[in-house]
Amino acid sequence: MATDAQGRLLSDDGNYYWDGSNWQLVSASGGDGATSSQSPQVTPRTDAQGRQLSEDGNYYWDGSNWQLVSGSGGAGAAASGGAGGAGGAGGATSGGNGATADTGSSVSADDIMNGAHALATVADLIALFPQVPEALGAWVEPIDGIITIIEMVYNTIKAMETEERGAGYRGTAYGTVYGALGMGVPSATCSGSLKGADQDQLDQKAFDEGAREAVSKVSDTVSKNRVIVRIAKDGNDPGKTVNAIYQHLCSESGDNELARAYDSLSWPGPVCA
């Protein structure tokens, strides 16, 4: 993960920093103005010494770099650059469908596709492959490659009434990306329906169920890897991936009006209604 000049942990898009409890907007970042109440409520994993750990538990953040936790069995710490991959792949060089790291280990595109190697962030992928291999690109293009993961969730929501369906699709889109990035289950308030408070409750239920089920569906390594590769293909812009998933879900069910009504979903703060 990247850090700013003050050593604060930054979000992937560089618009937010972690203040120890919540994500806060970086001044003059050009972000959408989200505050900590709108930001993802992520609690970093820590060890007994209170040091922040990577998702796999093999590395800790020393304030400047990721360092190997003694006895973790990790492949090696990122020795330089605050944005070094937590997977210990810093300095990896591309080589066809594989990458050879400084440690001498080799990770191929197949390893990512079959789950033999787990990605935690887009930075992990870029450390291995500065250019996403063609095999991985084909794996996530078109967006149907992501929809395959959440097809069961999609089929359940598709049967709902139109307004609830839109809320469910938005929850699903956010949940897919939140889940892959280890950000927990997204939360948003559904309110202001022209049909009144009862409809707001139905929309809320649809959003929450879509978000929760999508996070569950991307809990395995292969699914996480697939979404992370897609985010990399989208220019390391998770918000772009969220929008692509939502628009595709609407397209699949012929909900053109829902697609137009929410043609630009915000990131990282989720939108329900």
C-alpha atoms as a PDB file:
ATOM      1  CA  MET A   1       0.000   0.000   0.000  1.00  0.00           C
ATOM      2  CA  ALA A   2       1.108   3.536  -0.720  1.00  0.00           C
ATOM      3  CA  THR A   3       1.791   6.178   1.912  1.00  0.00           C
ATOM      4  CA  ASP A   4       1.901   9.952   1.762  1.00  0.00           C
ATOM      5  CA  ALA A   5       4.675  12.317   2.893  1.00  0.00           C
ATOM      6  CA  GLN A   6       3.436  12.046   6.495  1.00  0.00           C
ATOM      7  CA  GLY A   7       3.697   8.255   6.379  1.00  0.00           C
ATOM      8  CA  ARG A   8      -0.081   7.802   6.451  1.00  0.00           C
ATOM      9  CA  LEU A   9      -1.519   4.739   4.707  1.00  0.00           C
ATOM     10  CA  LEU A  10      -3.352   5.722   1.500  1.00  0.00           C
ATOM     11  CA  SER A  11      -6.244   4.074  -0.322  1.00  0.00           C
ATOM     12  CA  ASP A  12      -5.492   2.552  -3.742  1.00  0.00           C
ATOM     13  CA  ASP A  13      -6.787   5.660  -5.556  1.00  0.00           C
ATOM     14  CA  GLY A  14      -4.730   7.989  -3.325  1.00  0.00           C
ATOM     15  CA  ASN A  15      -7.762  10.052  -2.331  1.00  0.00           C
ATOM     16  CA  TYR A  16      -8.074   8.790   1.270  1.00  0.00           C
ATOM     17  CA  TYR A  17      -5.726   8.152   4.187  1.00  0.00           C
ATOM     18  CA  TRP A  18      -6.174   5.911   7.252  1.00  0.00           C
ATOM     19  CA  ASP A  19      -6.254   7.922  10.506  1.00  0.00           C
ATOM     20  CA  GLY A  20      -6.159   4.844  12.717  1.00  0.00           C
ATOM     21  CA  SER A  21      -9.929   4.438  12.875  1.00  0.00           C
ATOM     22  CA  ASN A  22     -11.472   5.603   9.598  1.00  0.00           C
ATOM     23  CA  TRP A  23     -10.622   6.587   6.025  1.00  0.00           C
ATOM     24  CA  GLN A  24     -10.342  10.378   5.698  1.00  0.00           C
ATOM     25  CA  LEU A  25     -10.323  12.529   2.553  1.00  0.00           C
ATOM     26  CA  VAL A  26      -6.865  13.756   1.535  1.00  0.00           C
ATOM     27  CA  SER A  27      -6.958  17.546   1.200  1.00  0.00           C
ATOM     28  CA  ALA A  28      -7.076  18.744  -2.427  1.00  0.00           C
ATOM     29  CA  SER A  29      -7.074  15.142  -3.636  1.00  0.00           C
ATOM     30  CA  GLY A  30      -9.954  15.682  -5.998  1.00  0.00           C
ATOM     31  CA  GLY A  31     -11.997  13.050  -4.185  1.00  0.00           C
ATOM     32  CA  ASP A  32     -15.756  13.163  -4.084  1.00  0.00           C
ATOM     33  CA  GLY A  33     -15.797  14.825  -0.668  1.00  0.00           C
ATOM     34  CA  ALA A  34     -16.622  11.708   1.304  1.00  0.00           C
ATOM     35  CA  THR A  35     -16.100  11.946   5.049  1.00  0.00           C
ATOM     36  CA  SER A  36     -15.237   9.262   7.535  1.00  0.00           C
ATOM     37  CA  SER A  37     -18.929   8.480   7.967  1.00  0.00           C
ATOM     38  CA  GLN A  38     -19.162   7.660   4.257  1.00  0.00           C
ATOM     39  CA  SER A  39     -15.833   5.870   4.001  1.00  0.00           C
ATOM     40  CA  PRO A  40     -15.330   2.123   4.243  1.00  0.00           C
ATOM     41  CA  GLN A  41     -15.172   1.064   7.860  1.00  0.00           C
ATOM     42  CA  VAL A  42     -12.009  -1.002   7.700  1.00  0.00           C
ATOM     43  CA  THR A  43     -10.106  -2.099  10.762  1.00  0.00           C
ATOM     44  CA  PRO A  44      -6.541  -3.114   9.847  1.00  0.00           C
ATOM     45  CA  ARG A  45      -5.339  -6.421  11.194  1.00  0.00           C
ATOM     46  CA  THR A  46      -2.675  -6.041  13.894  1.00  0.00           C
ATOM     47  CA  ASP A  47      -0.315  -8.319  15.811  1.00  0.00           C
ATOM     48  CA  ALA A  48       0.382  -8.517  19.548  1.00  0.00           C
ATOM     49  CA  GLN A  49       2.693  -5.490  19.275  1.00  0.00           C
ATOM     50  CA  GLY A  50      -0.054  -3.434  17.656  1.00  0.00           C
ATOM     51  CA  ARG A  51       1.689  -3.411  14.282  1.00  0.00           C
ATOM     52  CA  GLN A  52      -0.527  -3.400  11.177  1.00  0.00           C
ATOM     53  CA  LEU A  53      -0.422  -6.724   9.325  1.00  0.00           C
ATOM     54  CA  SER A  54      -0.951  -7.542   5.669  1.00  0.00           C
ATOM     55  CA  GLU A  55      -4.068  -9.551   4.854  1.00  0.00           C
ATOM     56  CA  ASP A  56      -2.131 -12.834   4.764  1.00  0.00           C
ATOM     57  CA  GLY A  57      -0.457 -12.060   8.113  1.00  0.00           C
ATOM     58  CA  ASN A  58       3.061 -12.534   6.713  1.00  0.00           C
ATOM     59  CA  TYR A  59       4.118  -8.864   6.805  1.00  0.00           C
ATOM     60  CA  TYR A  60       3.857  -5.899   9.176  1.00  0.00           C
ATOM     61  CA  TRP A  61       4.026  -2.161   8.418  1.00  0.00           C
ATOM     62  CA  ASP A  62       6.977  -0.458  10.154  1.00  0.00           C
ATOM     63  CA  GLY A  63       5.837   3.042   9.229  1.00  0.00           C
ATOM     64  CA  SER A  64       7.710   3.131   5.936  1.00  0.00           C
ATOM     65  CA  ASN A  65       7.823  -0.373   4.459  1.00  0.00           C
ATOM     66  CA  TRP A  66       6.305  -3.842   4.731  1.00  0.00           C
ATOM     67  CA  GLN A  67       8.588  -6.156   6.727  1.00  0.00           C
ATOM     68  CA  LEU A  68       8.541  -9.938   6.999  1.00  0.00           C
ATOM     69  CA  VAL A  69       7.067 -11.293  10.218  1.00  0.00           C
ATOM     70  CA  SER A  70       9.603 -13.691  11.719  1.00  0.00           C
ATOM     71  CA  GLY A  71       8.600 -17.299  11.134  1.00  0.00           C
ATOM     72  CA  SER A  72       5.679 -16.357   8.883  1.00  0.00           C
ATOM     73  CA  GLY A  73       6.938 -18.324   5.913  1.00  0.00           C
ATOM     74  CA  GLY A  74       6.450 -15.321   3.609  1.00  0.00           C
ATOM     75  CA  ALA A  75       8.487 -14.982   0.449  1.00  0.00           C
ATOM     76  CA  GLY A  76      10.328 -11.848   1.582  1.00  0.00           C
ATOM     77  CA  ALA A  77       9.641  -8.293   2.683  1.00  0.00           C
ATOM     78  CA  ALA A  78       9.424  -5.361   0.325  1.00  0.00           C
ATOM     79  CA  ALA A  79      12.715  -3.744   1.237  1.00  0.00           C
ATOM     80  CA  SER A  80      12.138  -0.387  -0.412  1.00  0.00           C
ATOM     81  CA  GLY A  81       9.259   1.872  -1.412  1.00  0.00           C
ATOM     82  CA  GLY A  82       6.228   2.340   0.796  1.00  0.00           C
ATOM     83  CA  ALA A  83       4.002   0.856  -1.908  1.00  0.00           C
ATOM     84  CA  GLY A  84       5.899  -2.434  -2.066  1.00  0.00           C
ATOM     85  CA  GLY A  85       3.672  -5.491  -2.490  1.00  0.00           C
ATOM     86  CA  ALA A  86       2.659  -7.090   0.783  1.00  0.00           C
ATOM     87  CA  GLY A  87       2.978 -10.462  -0.897  1.00  0.00           C
ATOM     88  CA  GLY A  88       6.775 -10.123  -0.899  1.00  0.00           C
ATOM     89  CA  ALA A  89       6.946  -9.852  -4.675  1.00  0.00           C
ATOM     90  CA  GLY A  90       8.657  -6.450  -4.835  1.00  0.00           C
ATOM     91  CA  GLY A  91      11.157  -6.237  -7.654  1.00  0.00           C
ATOM     92  CA  ALA A  92       9.561  -9.030  -9.639  1.00  0.00           C
ATOM     93  CA  THR A  93      10.184  -8.966 -13.359  1.00  0.00           C
ATOM     94  CA  SER A  94       7.780 -10.001 -16.069  1.00  0.00           C
ATOM     95  CA  GLY A  95       8.474 -13.055 -18.123  1.00  0.00           C
ATOM     96  CA  GLY A  96       5.662 -14.191 -20.395  1.00  0.00           C
ATOM     97  CA  ASN A  97       2.999 -15.899 -18.277  1.00  0.00           C
ATOM     98  CA  GLY A  98       5.230 -15.931 -15.188  1.00  0.00           C
ATOM     99  CA  ALA A  99       7.226 -13.554 -13.033  1.00  0.00           C
ATOM    100  CA  THR A 100      10.504 -14.164 -11.241  1.00  0.00           C
ATOM    101  CA  ALA A 101      10.926 -12.269  -7.977  1.00  0.00           C
ATOM    102  CA  ASP A 102      14.198 -11.185  -6.393  1.00  0.00           C
ATOM    103  CA  THR A 103      13.741 -14.054  -3.953  1.00  0.00           C
ATOM    104  CA  GLY A 104      14.002 -16.553  -6.795  1.00  0.00           C
ATOM    105  CA  SER A 105      10.379 -17.644  -6.523  1.00  0.00           C
ATOM    106  CA  SER A 106       8.264 -17.791  -9.650  1.00  0.00           C
ATOM    107  CA  VAL A 107       4.609 -16.881 -10.028  1.00  0.00           C
ATOM    108  CA  SER A 108       2.828 -17.455 -13.312  1.00  0.00           C
ATOM    109  CA  ALA A 109      -0.481 -16.241 -14.659  1.00  0.00           C
ATOM    110  CA  ASP A 110      -1.754 -19.774 -14.144  1.00  0.00           C
ATOM    111  CA  ASP A 111      -0.850 -19.568 -10.438  1.00  0.00           C
ATOM    112  CA  ILE A 112      -3.089 -16.522 -10.111  1.00  0.00           C
ATOM    113  CA  MET A 113      -5.887 -18.047 -12.159  1.00  0.00           C
ATOM    114  CA  ASN A 114      -5.980 -21.319 -10.231  1.00  0.00           C
ATOM    115  CA  GLY A 115      -5.480 -19.725  -6.804  1.00  0.00           C
ATOM    116  CA  ALA A 116      -2.006 -21.117  -6.125  1.00  0.00           C
ATOM    117  CA  HIS A 117      -0.892 -17.515  -5.507  1.00  0.00           C
ATOM    118  CA  ALA A 118      -3.166 -15.130  -3.592  1.00  0.00           C
ATOM    119  CA  LEU A 119      -3.328 -11.431  -4.424  1.00  0.00           C
ATOM    120  CA  ALA A 120      -4.284  -9.012  -1.644  1.00  0.00           C
ATOM    121  CA  THR A 121      -4.086  -5.755  -3.598  1.00  0.00           C
ATOM    122  CA  VAL A 122      -3.549  -4.478  -7.110  1.00  0.00           C
ATOM    123  CA  ALA A 123      -0.046  -3.487  -5.962  1.00  0.00           C
ATOM    124  CA  ASP A 124       0.720  -7.185  -5.431  1.00  0.00           C
ATOM    125  CA  LEU A 125      -0.229  -7.899  -9.034  1.00  0.00           C
ATOM    126  CA  ILE A 126       1.747  -4.964 -10.446  1.00  0.00           C
ATOM    127  CA  ALA A 127       4.804  -6.021  -8.431  1.00  0.00           C
ATOM    128  CA  LEU A 128       4.681  -9.358 -10.225  1.00  0.00           C
ATOM    129  CA  PHE A 129       3.586  -8.104 -13.625  1.00  0.00           C
ATOM    130  CA  PRO A 130       4.186  -4.432 -14.493  1.00  0.00           C
ATOM    131  CA  GLN A 131       2.021  -5.189 -17.512  1.00  0.00           C
ATOM    132  CA  VAL A 132      -0.955  -7.478 -16.907  1.00  0.00           C
ATOM    133  CA  PRO A 133      -0.323 -10.671 -18.938  1.00  0.00           C
ATOM    134  CA  GLU A 134      -2.595 -11.343 -21.882  1.00  0.00           C
ATOM    135  CA  ALA A 135      -3.809 -14.560 -20.245  1.00  0.00           C
ATOM    136  CA  LEU A 136      -5.059 -12.644 -17.202  1.00  0.00           C
ATOM    137  CA  GLY A 137      -6.625  -9.946 -19.344  1.00  0.00           C
ATOM    138  CA  ALA A 138      -8.662 -12.529 -21.203  1.00  0.00           C
ATOM    139  CA  TRP A 139      -9.664 -14.024 -17.855  1.00  0.00           C
ATOM    140  CA  VAL A 140     -11.558 -10.888 -16.824  1.00  0.00           C
ATOM    141  CA  GLU A 141     -12.708  -9.531 -20.182  1.00  0.00           C
ATOM    142  CA  PRO A 142     -15.493  -9.046 -20.832  1.00  0.00           C
ATOM    143  CA  ILE A 143     -17.013  -8.225 -17.441  1.00  0.00           C
ATOM    144  CA  ASP A 144     -18.918 -11.534 -17.650  1.00  0.00           C
ATOM    145  CA  GLY A 145     -15.817 -13.051 -16.075  1.00  0.00           C
ATOM    146  CA  ILE A 146     -16.722 -11.258 -12.843  1.00  0.00           C
ATOM    147  CA  ILE A 147     -20.483 -11.812 -13.124  1.00  0.00           C
ATOM    148  CA  THR A 148     -19.846 -15.569 -13.200  1.00  0.00           C
ATOM    149  CA  ILE A 149     -18.751 -15.339  -9.563  1.00  0.00           C
ATOM    150  CA  ILE A 150     -21.936 -13.617  -8.389  1.00  0.00           C
ATOM    151  CA  GLU A 151     -24.389 -15.252 -10.795  1.00  0.00           C
ATOM    152  CA  MET A 152     -26.444 -16.796  -7.991  1.00  0.00           C
ATOM    153  CA  VAL A 153     -26.764 -13.431  -6.242  1.00  0.00           C
ATOM    154  CA  TYR A 154     -27.743 -11.802  -9.535  1.00  0.00           C
ATOM    155  CA  ASN A 155     -30.429 -14.386 -10.249  1.00  0.00           C
ATOM    156  CA  THR A 156     -32.002 -13.831  -6.825  1.00  0.00           C
ATOM    157  CA  ILE A 157     -32.098 -10.044  -7.195  1.00  0.00           C
ATOM    158  CA  LYS A 158     -33.315 -10.191 -10.788  1.00  0.00           C
ATOM    159  CA  ALA A 159     -36.641 -11.565  -9.525  1.00  0.00           C
ATOM    160  CA  MET A 160     -37.302  -8.477  -7.358  1.00  0.00           C
ATOM    161  CA  GLU A 161     -39.379  -5.445  -8.259  1.00  0.00           C
ATOM    162  CA  THR A 162     -37.588  -2.754 -10.268  1.00  0.00           C
ATOM    163  CA  GLU A 163     -36.641  -0.302  -7.515  1.00  0.00           C
ATOM    164  CA  GLU A 164     -35.494  -3.033  -5.152  1.00  0.00           C
ATOM    165  CA  ARG A 165     -33.622  -4.665  -8.007  1.00  0.00           C
ATOM    166  CA  GLY A 166     -31.594  -1.506  -8.580  1.00  0.00           C
ATOM    167  CA  ALA A 167     -30.672  -1.276  -4.895  1.00  0.00           C
ATOM    168  CA  GLY A 168     -29.744  -4.951  -4.910  1.00  0.00           C
ATOM    169  CA  TYR A 169     -27.544  -4.547  -7.973  1.00  0.00           C
ATOM    170  CA  ARG A 170     -25.721  -1.614  -6.376  1.00  0.00           C
ATOM    171  CA  GLY A 171     -25.163  -3.588  -3.182  1.00  0.00           C
ATOM    172  CA  THR A 172     -23.867  -6.499  -5.268  1.00  0.00           C
ATOM    173  CA  ALA A 173     -21.481  -4.331  -7.275  1.00  0.00           C
ATOM    174  CA  TYR A 174     -20.000  -2.691  -4.180  1.00  0.00           C
ATOM    175  CA  GLY A 175     -19.910  -5.998  -2.287  1.00  0.00           C
ATOM    176  CA  THR A 176     -17.951  -7.698  -5.047  1.00  0.00           C
ATOM    177  CA  VAL A 177     -15.182  -5.088  -5.002  1.00  0.00           C
ATOM    178  CA  TYR A 178     -15.223  -4.531  -1.217  1.00  0.00           C
ATOM    179  CA  GLY A 179     -14.967  -8.280  -0.652  1.00  0.00           C
ATOM    180  CA  ALA A 180     -12.055  -8.735  -3.049  1.00  0.00           C
ATOM    181  CA  LEU A 181     -10.123  -5.868  -1.433  1.00  0.00           C
ATOM    182  CA  GLY A 182     -10.774  -7.067   2.139  1.00  0.00           C
ATOM    183  CA  MET A 183     -12.823  -3.968   2.986  1.00  0.00           C
ATOM    184  CA  GLY A 184     -15.677  -5.813   4.705  1.00  0.00           C
ATOM    185  CA  VAL A 185     -19.363  -5.538   3.821  1.00  0.00           C
ATOM    186  CA  PRO A 186     -20.346  -2.164   2.291  1.00  0.00           C
ATOM    187  CA  SER A 187     -23.041  -0.159   4.053  1.00  0.00           C
ATOM    188  CA  ALA A 188     -25.276   2.580   2.660  1.00  0.00           C
ATOM    189  CA  THR A 189     -28.590   4.164   3.645  1.00  0.00           C
ATOM    190  CA  CYS A 190     -31.532   3.701   1.294  1.00  0.00           C
ATOM    191  CA  SER A 191     -33.909   6.647   1.619  1.00  0.00           C
ATOM    192  CA  GLY A 192     -36.037   9.115  -0.311  1.00  0.00           C
ATOM    193  CA  SER A 193     -38.083   6.697  -2.390  1.00  0.00           C
ATOM    194  CA  LEU A 194     -41.097   8.306  -4.062  1.00  0.00           C
ATOM    195  CA  LYS A 195     -43.052   5.288  -2.868  1.00  0.00           C
ATOM    196  CA  GLY A 196     -42.396   6.133   0.769  1.00  0.00           C
ATOM    197  CA  ALA A 197     -40.724   4.633   3.829  1.00  0.00           C
ATOM    198  CA  ASP A 198     -41.966   1.100   3.216  1.00  0.00           C
ATOM    199  CA  GLN A 199     -40.203   1.054  -0.138  1.00  0.00           C
ATOM    200  CA  ASP A 200     -37.073   2.451   1.494  1.00  0.00           C
ATOM    201  CA  GLN A 201     -37.057  -0.559   3.796  1.00  0.00           C
ATOM    202  CA  LEU A 202     -37.430  -2.949   0.871  1.00  0.00           C
ATOM    203  CA  ASP A 203     -34.613  -1.197  -0.985  1.00  0.00           C
ATOM    204  CA  GLN A 204     -32.425  -1.336   2.127  1.00  0.00           C
ATOM    205  CA  LYS A 205     -33.002  -5.060   2.491  1.00  0.00           C
ATOM    206  CA  ALA A 206     -32.148  -5.637  -1.169  1.00  0.00           C
ATOM    207  CA  PHE A 207     -28.946  -3.566  -0.964  1.00  0.00           C
ATOM    208  CA  ASP A 208     -27.793  -5.240   2.250  1.00  0.00           C
ATOM    209  CA  GLU A 209     -28.509  -8.746   0.983  1.00  0.00           C
ATOM    210  CA  GLY A 210     -26.772  -8.082  -2.337  1.00  0.00           C
ATOM    211  CA  ALA A 211     -23.728  -6.614  -0.573  1.00  0.00           C
ATOM    212  CA  ARG A 212     -23.487  -9.393   2.003  1.00  0.00           C
ATOM    213  CA  GLU A 213     -23.919 -12.235  -0.491  1.00  0.00           C
ATOM    214  CA  ALA A 214     -21.450 -10.731  -2.965  1.00  0.00           C
ATOM    215  CA  VAL A 215     -18.768 -10.430  -0.268  1.00  0.00           C
ATOM    216  CA  SER A 216     -19.367 -14.089   0.553  1.00  0.00           C
ATOM    217  CA  LYS A 217     -19.066 -15.141  -3.094  1.00  0.00           C
ATOM    218  CA  VAL A 218     -15.620 -13.553  -3.507  1.00  0.00           C
ATOM    219  CA  SER A 219     -14.185 -15.034  -0.310  1.00  0.00           C
ATOM    220  CA  ASP A 220     -12.135 -17.695  -2.125  1.00  0.00           C
ATOM    221  CA  THR A 221      -8.700 -16.948  -3.574  1.00  0.00           C
ATOM    222  CA  VAL A 222      -9.596 -17.468  -7.241  1.00  0.00           C
ATOM    223  CA  SER A 223     -12.573 -15.103  -7.063  1.00  0.00           C
ATOM    224  CA  LYS A 224     -10.574 -12.451  -5.192  1.00  0.00           C
ATOM    225  CA  ASN A 225      -7.768 -12.726  -7.724  1.00  0.00           C
ATOM    226  CA  ARG A 226     -10.201 -12.364 -10.603  1.00  0.00           C
ATOM    227  CA  VAL A 227     -11.701  -9.138  -9.234  1.00  0.00           C
ATOM    228  CA  ILE A 228      -8.284  -7.676  -8.373  1.00  0.00           C
ATOM    229  CA  VAL A 229      -7.071  -8.367 -11.906  1.00  0.00           C
ATOM    230  CA  ARG A 230     -10.173  -6.640 -13.239  1.00  0.00           C
ATOM    231  CA  ILE A 231      -9.466  -3.587 -11.049  1.00  0.00           C
ATOM    232  CA  ALA A 232      -5.929  -3.502 -12.470  1.00  0.00           C
ATOM    233  CA  LYS A 233      -7.364  -3.655 -15.991  1.00  0.00           C
ATOM    234  CA  ASP A 234      -9.612  -0.732 -15.039  1.00  0.00           C
ATOM    235  CA  GLY A 235      -6.563   1.408 -14.333  1.00  0.00           C
ATOM    236  CA  ASN A 236      -6.368   0.511 -10.627  1.00  0.00           C
ATOM    237  CA  ASP A 237      -9.697   2.298 -10.155  1.00  0.00           C
ATOM    238  CA  PRO A 238     -12.049   0.218  -7.956  1.00  0.00           C
ATOM    239  CA  GLY A 239     -14.837   2.712  -8.591  1.00  0.00           C
ATOM    240  CA  LYS A 240     -14.641   2.041 -12.314  1.00  0.00           C
ATOM    241  CA  THR A 241     -14.976  -1.679 -11.622  1.00  0.00           C
ATOM    242  CA  VAL A 242     -18.004  -1.093  -9.379  1.00  0.00           C
ATOM    243  CA  ASN A 243     -19.677   0.892 -12.150  1.00  0.00           C
ATOM    244  CA  ALA A 244     -18.841  -1.717 -14.777  1.00  0.00           C
ATOM    245  CA  ILE A 245     -20.403  -4.484 -12.668  1.00  0.00           C
ATOM    246  CA  TYR A 246     -23.542  -2.430 -11.928  1.00  0.00           C
ATOM    247  CA  GLN A 247     -24.051  -1.407 -15.552  1.00  0.00           C
ATOM    248  CA  HIS A 248     -23.611  -4.987 -16.711  1.00  0.00           C
ATOM    249  CA  LEU A 249     -26.127  -6.322 -14.186  1.00  0.00           C
ATOM    250  CA  CYS A 250     -28.655  -3.739 -15.376  1.00  0.00           C
ATOM    251  CA  SER A 251     -27.951  -4.627 -18.998  1.00  0.00           C
ATOM    252  CA  GLU A 252     -28.424  -8.339 -18.377  1.00  0.00           C
ATOM    253  CA  SER A 253     -31.945  -7.750 -17.026  1.00  0.00           C
ATOM    254  CA  GLY A 254     -32.838  -5.010 -19.518  1.00  0.00           C
ATOM    255  CA  ASP A 255     -32.982  -2.327 -16.802  1.00  0.00           C
ATOM    256  CA  ASN A 256     -31.856   0.556 -18.982  1.00  0.00           C
ATOM    257  CA  GLU A 257     -33.570   3.154 -16.796  1.00  0.00           C
ATOM    258  CA  LEU A 258     -31.803   1.870 -13.688  1.00  0.00           C
ATOM    259  CA  ALA A 259     -28.514   2.052 -15.550  1.00  0.00           C
ATOM    260  CA  ARG A 260     -29.126   5.647 -16.620  1.00  0.00           C
ATOM    261  CA  ALA A 261     -30.374   6.723 -13.196  1.00  0.00           C
ATOM    262  CA  TYR A 262     -27.106   5.590 -11.574  1.00  0.00           C
ATOM    263  CA  ASP A 263     -24.597   6.036 -14.368  1.00  0.00           C
ATOM    264  CA  SER A 264     -21.741   7.048 -12.054  1.00  0.00           C
ATOM    265  CA  LEU A 265     -21.575   5.338  -8.663  1.00  0.00           C
ATOM    266  CA  SER A 266     -19.232   6.980  -6.152  1.00  0.00           C
ATOM    267  CA  TRP A 267     -16.150   5.375  -4.567  1.00  0.00           C
ATOM    268  CA  PRO A 268     -15.310   4.443  -1.876  1.00  0.00           C
ATOM    269  CA  GLY A 269     -18.544   5.554  -0.175  1.00  0.00           C
ATOM    270  CA  PRO A 270     -21.373   3.275  -1.399  1.00  0.00           C
ATOM    271  CA  VAL A 271     -24.637   4.632  -2.829  1.00  0.00           C
ATOM    272  CA  CYS A 272     -27.955   2.896  -2.280  1.00  0.00           C
ATOM    273  CA  ALA A 273     -30.542   5.498  -3.295  1.00  0.00           C
END
